Amino acid sequence: MEPQPFVLDTPDAIRERHESFDVYRAEGEHLLRSAVVFVHGGPRPPGVEWRPRDQPVFVGYGSTAAASGFVGIVVEHHMASLAECSAAADEIVTGLEQIRMLPGVDPNRIALWFFSGSGLLAATWLRDPPTWLRCIALTYRDHRRAERKTRIRHARPHRRIA
């Protein structure tokens, strides 16, 4: 399983490496901004040596969020099996506590975007969202359609949080 390229040109952004997450900001950006936190999928297949937050797709999402006026953040968890869901959820909680204290991040305007198998980790946030959580998004590929031509469907616009 090799990392896949991002589908768009990746805009320039400053990438700050932290222990369990990467932060993407626009060049010269010092204003308080909403954060979009991207949570990679899981469980991570055995033998995969690259880190999910280093995949071009998550670098692309983080950079695109920064170029769009948000702080883009890719948080990492270590779910290698479904038995580790609880530990992975705790890692995300710990990461979010640190993220909300970052300079330039509005701690009351956070969006969470879960990908693939990490959708399992969204249950608590959906059931009991904190007041600072402004948006939850989940993306999961429909593997049944993998052989068909991809069609883009546009969602209805909602209130902007930035």
Protein backbone atom coordinates (compact mmCIF):
# COMPACT_ATOMS: atom_id res chain seq x y z
CA MET A 1 0.00 0.00 0.00
CA GLU A 2 1.67 3.17 -1.23
CA PRO A 3 0.68 6.76 -0.39
CA GLN A 4 -1.59 8.27 -3.04
CA PRO A 5 -1.07 11.73 -4.58
CA PHE A 6 -3.37 14.62 -3.68
CA VAL A 7 -5.93 15.40 -6.38
CA LEU A 8 -5.21 19.16 -6.50
CA ASP A 9 -2.10 21.25 -6.81
CA THR A 10 -0.83 21.69 -3.26
CA PRO A 11 -0.61 25.37 -2.32
CA ASP A 12 2.37 26.72 -0.39
CA ALA A 13 1.96 26.67 3.37
CA ILE A 14 4.20 26.67 6.41
CA ARG A 15 4.29 23.21 8.00
CA GLU A 16 5.07 23.01 11.71
CA ARG A 17 5.88 19.54 13.02
CA HIS A 18 4.67 18.67 16.53
CA GLU A 19 4.88 15.35 18.37
CA SER A 20 1.46 14.04 17.32
CA PHE A 21 0.27 16.52 14.69
CA ASP A 22 1.36 18.85 11.90
CA VAL A 23 0.12 22.43 11.62
CA TYR A 24 -0.30 24.20 8.27
CA ARG A 25 -0.50 27.99 8.12
CA ALA A 26 -0.49 30.53 5.33
CA GLU A 27 2.73 32.49 4.82
CA GLY A 28 2.94 35.44 7.22
CA GLU A 29 -0.35 34.52 8.93
CA HIS A 30 -0.66 35.73 12.52
CA LEU A 31 -4.42 36.23 12.93
CA LEU A 32 -6.64 34.05 15.11
CA ARG A 33 -8.16 31.45 12.77
CA SER A 34 -10.56 28.54 12.88
CA ALA A 35 -8.83 25.17 12.65
CA VAL A 36 -9.73 22.20 10.49
CA VAL A 37 -8.35 19.04 12.10
CA PHE A 38 -7.90 16.09 9.72
CA VAL A 39 -7.94 12.60 11.26
CA HIS A 40 -6.44 9.87 9.06
CA GLY A 41 -8.07 6.48 8.69
CA GLY A 42 -7.36 3.23 10.40
CA PRO A 43 -6.69 0.59 11.37
CA ARG A 44 -3.28 1.03 9.82
CA PRO A 45 -2.24 -2.09 7.87
CA PRO A 46 0.69 -4.06 9.27
CA GLY A 47 4.02 -3.41 7.60
CA VAL A 48 3.21 0.16 6.56
CA GLU A 49 6.30 2.20 7.36
CA TRP A 50 5.26 5.70 6.25
CA ARG A 51 3.39 7.91 8.68
CA PRO A 52 -0.15 8.82 7.66
CA ARG A 53 0.40 12.54 8.27
CA ASP A 54 3.25 12.43 5.72
CA GLN A 55 0.96 11.16 2.94
CA PRO A 56 0.58 13.63 0.06
CA VAL A 57 -3.19 13.58 0.55
CA PHE A 58 -2.97 14.93 4.12
CA VAL A 59 -0.19 17.39 3.28
CA GLY A 60 -2.52 18.57 0.50
CA TYR A 61 -5.56 18.90 2.76
CA GLY A 62 -3.56 20.75 5.43
CA SER A 63 -2.01 23.13 2.88
CA THR A 64 -5.34 23.73 1.15
CA ALA A 65 -7.02 24.55 4.47
CA ALA A 66 -4.24 27.05 5.24
CA ALA A 67 -4.55 28.66 1.81
CA SER A 68 -8.32 28.93 2.38
CA GLY A 69 -7.97 31.01 5.56
CA PHE A 70 -7.97 28.24 8.18
CA VAL A 71 -5.26 26.62 10.23
CA GLY A 72 -4.96 23.10 8.80
CA ILE A 73 -3.95 20.39 11.24
CA VAL A 74 -3.27 16.71 10.60
CA VAL A 75 -3.46 14.77 13.85
CA GLU A 76 -1.94 11.31 14.14
CA HIS A 77 -3.22 8.29 16.03
CA HIS A 78 -1.82 4.79 16.25
CA MET A 79 -4.83 2.55 15.70
CA ALA A 80 -3.42 -0.69 14.29
CA SER A 81 -6.51 -2.80 15.08
CA LEU A 82 -10.13 -2.24 16.03
CA ALA A 83 -9.22 -3.24 19.59
CA GLU A 84 -7.22 0.03 19.76
CA CYS A 85 -10.13 2.38 18.95
CA SER A 86 -10.37 3.63 22.53
CA ALA A 87 -6.64 4.39 22.75
CA ALA A 88 -6.74 6.15 19.36
CA ALA A 89 -9.73 8.24 20.48
CA ASP A 90 -7.77 9.25 23.59
CA GLU A 91 -4.82 10.28 21.39
CA ILE A 92 -7.15 12.55 19.42
CA VAL A 93 -8.54 14.11 22.61
CA THR A 94 -5.00 14.79 23.85
CA GLY A 95 -4.01 16.25 20.48
CA LEU A 96 -7.07 18.52 20.44
CA GLU A 97 -6.25 19.83 23.91
CA GLN A 98 -2.81 20.84 22.62
CA ILE A 99 -4.17 22.17 19.31
CA ARG A 100 -6.69 24.44 21.02
CA MET A 101 -3.81 26.10 22.93
CA LEU A 102 -1.72 26.84 19.83
CA PRO A 103 -1.03 30.48 18.99
CA GLY A 104 -3.18 31.58 16.06
CA VAL A 105 -5.84 28.89 16.61
CA ASP A 106 -9.24 30.07 17.80
CA PRO A 107 -9.93 27.49 20.55
CA ASN A 108 -13.68 27.98 20.12
CA ARG A 109 -13.81 27.31 16.37
CA ILE A 110 -12.61 23.81 15.59
CA ALA A 111 -13.78 21.46 12.83
CA LEU A 112 -13.00 17.73 12.82
CA TRP A 113 -12.74 15.80 9.56
CA PHE A 114 -12.50 12.01 9.89
CA PHE A 115 -11.33 9.83 6.99
CA SER A 116 -12.14 6.19 6.30
CA GLY A 117 -11.86 3.93 9.34
CA SER A 118 -11.28 6.82 11.73
CA GLY A 119 -15.00 7.50 11.37
CA LEU A 120 -15.33 5.00 14.23
CA LEU A 121 -13.57 7.59 16.39
CA ALA A 122 -16.19 10.25 15.65
CA ALA A 123 -18.94 8.65 17.76
CA THR A 124 -18.23 10.56 20.98
CA TRP A 125 -17.97 13.87 19.14
CA LEU A 126 -21.28 13.24 17.38
CA ARG A 127 -23.02 12.08 20.56
CA ASP A 128 -21.77 14.84 22.86
CA PRO A 129 -20.14 17.69 20.91
CA PRO A 130 -18.28 20.30 22.99
CA THR A 131 -19.25 23.95 22.53
CA TRP A 132 -16.04 24.70 20.62
CA LEU A 133 -16.70 22.06 17.95
CA ARG A 134 -18.23 23.82 14.94
CA CYS A 135 -18.24 21.05 12.34
CA ILE A 136 -17.77 17.31 11.94
CA ALA A 137 -17.11 15.79 8.53
CA LEU A 138 -16.63 12.15 7.60
CA THR A 139 -15.24 10.87 4.30
CA TYR A 140 -15.29 7.25 3.28
CA ARG A 141 -14.59 5.92 -0.19
CA ASP A 142 -17.36 3.86 -1.76
CA HIS A 143 -15.31 0.88 -2.94
CA ARG A 144 -18.26 -0.49 -4.88
CA ARG A 145 -17.86 2.43 -7.30
CA ALA A 146 -14.10 2.10 -7.74
CA GLU A 147 -14.46 0.74 -11.27
CA ARG A 148 -16.98 3.35 -12.40
CA LYS A 149 -16.23 6.84 -13.58
CA THR A 150 -16.03 9.20 -10.61
CA ARG A 151 -18.71 11.86 -10.44
CA ILE A 152 -18.37 14.93 -8.26
CA ARG A 153 -21.42 15.85 -6.26
CA HIS A 154 -21.60 19.28 -4.70
CA ALA A 155 -22.93 19.63 -1.19
CA ARG A 156 -25.28 22.40 -0.28
CA PRO A 157 -23.36 25.35 1.21
CA HIS A 158 -23.62 25.83 4.94
CA ARG A 159 -22.71 28.66 7.26
CA ARG A 160 -18.99 29.43 6.99
CA ILE A 161 -17.12 29.08 10.27
CA ALA A 162 -14.01 31.14 9.49
